[in-house]
Protein backbone atom coordinates (compact mmCIF):
# COMPACT_ATOMS: atom_id res chain seq x y z
CA MET A 1 40.44 26.96 2.03
CA SER A 2 42.76 27.11 4.96
CA THR A 3 41.48 30.02 7.00
CA PHE A 4 38.55 30.13 9.36
CA GLY A 5 37.05 32.92 7.25
CA HIS A 6 37.00 30.67 4.19
CA TRP A 7 35.20 27.96 6.17
CA ILE A 8 32.59 30.48 7.32
CA ALA A 9 32.16 31.72 3.75
CA LEU A 10 31.70 28.11 2.59
CA ALA A 11 28.99 27.56 5.21
CA VAL A 12 27.21 30.83 4.35
CA ALA A 13 27.32 29.99 0.64
CA GLY A 14 25.83 26.56 1.40
CA GLY A 15 23.03 28.23 3.33
CA LEU A 16 22.34 30.62 0.47
CA GLY A 17 22.28 27.71 -1.96
CA THR A 18 19.77 25.93 0.25
CA VAL A 19 17.48 28.98 0.36
CA ALA A 20 17.75 29.38 -3.42
CA ARG A 21 16.91 25.68 -3.86
CA ALA A 22 13.77 26.07 -1.77
CA GLY A 23 12.72 29.12 -3.78
CA VAL A 24 13.17 27.42 -7.15
CA THR A 25 11.34 24.33 -5.91
CA ILE A 26 8.40 26.38 -4.63
CA LEU A 27 8.22 28.35 -7.88
CA ALA A 28 8.33 25.22 -10.05
CA THR A 29 5.63 23.56 -7.94
CA ARG A 30 3.39 26.59 -8.28
CA LEU A 31 3.96 26.75 -12.03
CA PHE A 32 3.80 23.05 -12.91
CA GLY A 33 2.15 21.21 -10.00
CA THR A 34 3.28 18.19 -8.02
CA GLY A 35 2.74 15.33 -10.49
CA PHE A 36 6.40 15.34 -11.57
CA PRO A 37 9.45 16.59 -9.62
CA TRP A 38 9.96 19.68 -11.78
CA GLY A 39 11.49 21.62 -8.90
CA THR A 40 14.28 19.09 -8.52
CA VAL A 41 14.81 18.88 -12.27
CA ALA A 42 14.99 22.70 -12.48
CA VAL A 43 17.41 22.96 -9.57
CA ASN A 44 19.69 20.28 -10.97
CA ALA A 45 19.69 21.81 -14.46
CA LEU A 46 20.29 25.35 -13.15
CA GLY A 47 22.99 24.09 -10.81
CA ALA A 48 24.70 22.26 -13.66
CA LEU A 49 24.52 25.37 -15.84
CA ALA A 50 25.99 27.52 -13.08
CA PHE A 51 28.73 24.94 -12.48
CA GLY A 52 29.65 25.01 -16.16
CA VAL A 53 29.66 28.82 -16.24
CA ILE A 54 31.87 29.11 -13.15
CA VAL A 55 34.38 26.47 -14.25
CA GLY A 56 34.38 27.72 -17.83
CA ALA A 57 34.94 31.30 -16.74
CA THR A 58 37.78 30.44 -14.39
CA ARG A 59 39.45 28.27 -17.03
CA SER A 60 39.25 30.89 -19.76
CA ARG A 61 39.47 34.44 -18.50
CA VAL A 62 38.18 35.11 -14.99
CA VAL A 63 40.63 35.07 -12.13
CA LEU A 64 38.92 34.58 -8.79
CA PRO A 65 40.56 35.18 -5.44
CA GLN A 66 41.89 32.00 -3.86
CA GLY A 67 39.14 29.84 -2.42
CA ILE A 68 36.22 31.60 -4.14
CA GLU A 69 35.74 28.89 -6.77
CA THR A 70 35.50 26.29 -4.00
CA ILE A 71 33.05 28.47 -2.08
CA LEU A 72 30.86 28.80 -5.18
CA LEU A 73 31.06 25.19 -6.41
CA VAL A 74 31.12 23.29 -3.13
CA GLY A 75 29.25 25.75 -0.91
CA LEU A 76 26.67 27.57 -3.01
CA LEU A 77 26.02 24.88 -5.61
CA GLY A 78 26.45 22.08 -3.08
CA GLY A 79 23.62 23.61 -1.06
CA PHE A 80 21.58 24.30 -4.19
CA THR A 81 21.63 21.08 -6.17
CA THR A 82 19.60 18.12 -5.16
CA PHE A 83 21.03 14.80 -6.29
CA SER A 84 19.81 12.87 -3.26
CA SER A 85 16.32 14.36 -3.57
CA TYR A 86 16.27 13.54 -7.26
CA ALA A 87 17.14 9.90 -6.58
CA PHE A 88 14.58 9.62 -3.78
CA GLN A 89 11.81 11.15 -5.89
CA ALA A 90 12.56 8.74 -8.73
CA VAL A 91 12.29 5.80 -6.32
CA GLU A 92 9.02 7.22 -4.95
CA LEU A 93 7.59 7.45 -8.47
CA TRP A 94 8.68 3.88 -9.18
CA ASP A 95 7.25 2.55 -5.91
CA SER A 96 3.95 4.35 -6.47
CA GLY A 97 3.39 2.44 -9.70
CA ARG A 98 4.66 5.12 -12.07
CA PRO A 99 7.84 3.57 -13.47
CA GLY A 100 7.59 5.56 -16.69
CA LEU A 101 7.70 8.85 -14.76
CA ALA A 102 10.55 7.51 -12.62
CA VAL A 103 12.63 6.73 -15.70
CA ALA A 104 11.63 10.05 -17.28
CA SER A 105 12.77 11.92 -14.16
CA VAL A 106 16.18 10.22 -14.24
CA VAL A 107 16.64 10.69 -17.98
CA VAL A 108 15.44 14.30 -18.05
CA SER A 109 17.53 15.30 -15.02
CA ASN A 110 20.69 13.71 -16.36
CA LEU A 111 20.23 14.93 -19.91
CA LEU A 112 19.46 18.49 -18.83
CA ALA A 113 22.40 18.51 -16.40
CA PHE A 114 24.77 17.26 -19.12
CA VAL A 115 23.51 19.84 -21.63
CA ALA A 116 23.53 22.58 -18.98
CA VAL A 117 27.16 21.97 -17.97
CA TRP A 118 28.17 21.87 -21.63
CA GLY A 119 26.16 25.04 -22.29
CA GLY A 120 27.68 26.80 -19.30
CA LEU A 121 31.16 25.96 -20.52
CA LYS A 122 30.31 27.18 -24.03
CA LEU A 123 28.75 30.42 -22.75
CA VAL A 124 32.02 31.57 -21.31
CA GLY A 125 34.50 29.62 -23.45
C-alpha cells in the first residue's frame, strides 16, 4: 500500500462497501421490519463471512497481487461492516427499555460473526 493508486483503490473499495452496507440494511428492513437491527446483524455476519473467505483463500491457495488483500479487508469490508452502528443500536434498545433485545443484538451479532469467520475459513480451507 505504498502507491497513490493503492490509496485510491482503498478509498473506492471503502465507498463500494458503504453502498453495499446501505443496500443490505434497506433489504433487511424491508424483509424483517425495524423492531430489531437485522440490517446491522446481517451486514456484520456477511462481512465476517467474507473476511473469513478472503483470509482463508489467501492463506491456502489464492495468490492476490500485492495490496489487494488490504484493499478488500480494510477498504471494502471496512466500509461494509458496522461495528459502531451495532454498538449504538444495542445502547438505543437498552435505553428504550428493551434490555433483552439489546443483549440479544449483542449476542446474535457476535455469535454470527464468530461462526461466519470460522465458516469462511472452512469454505476455502
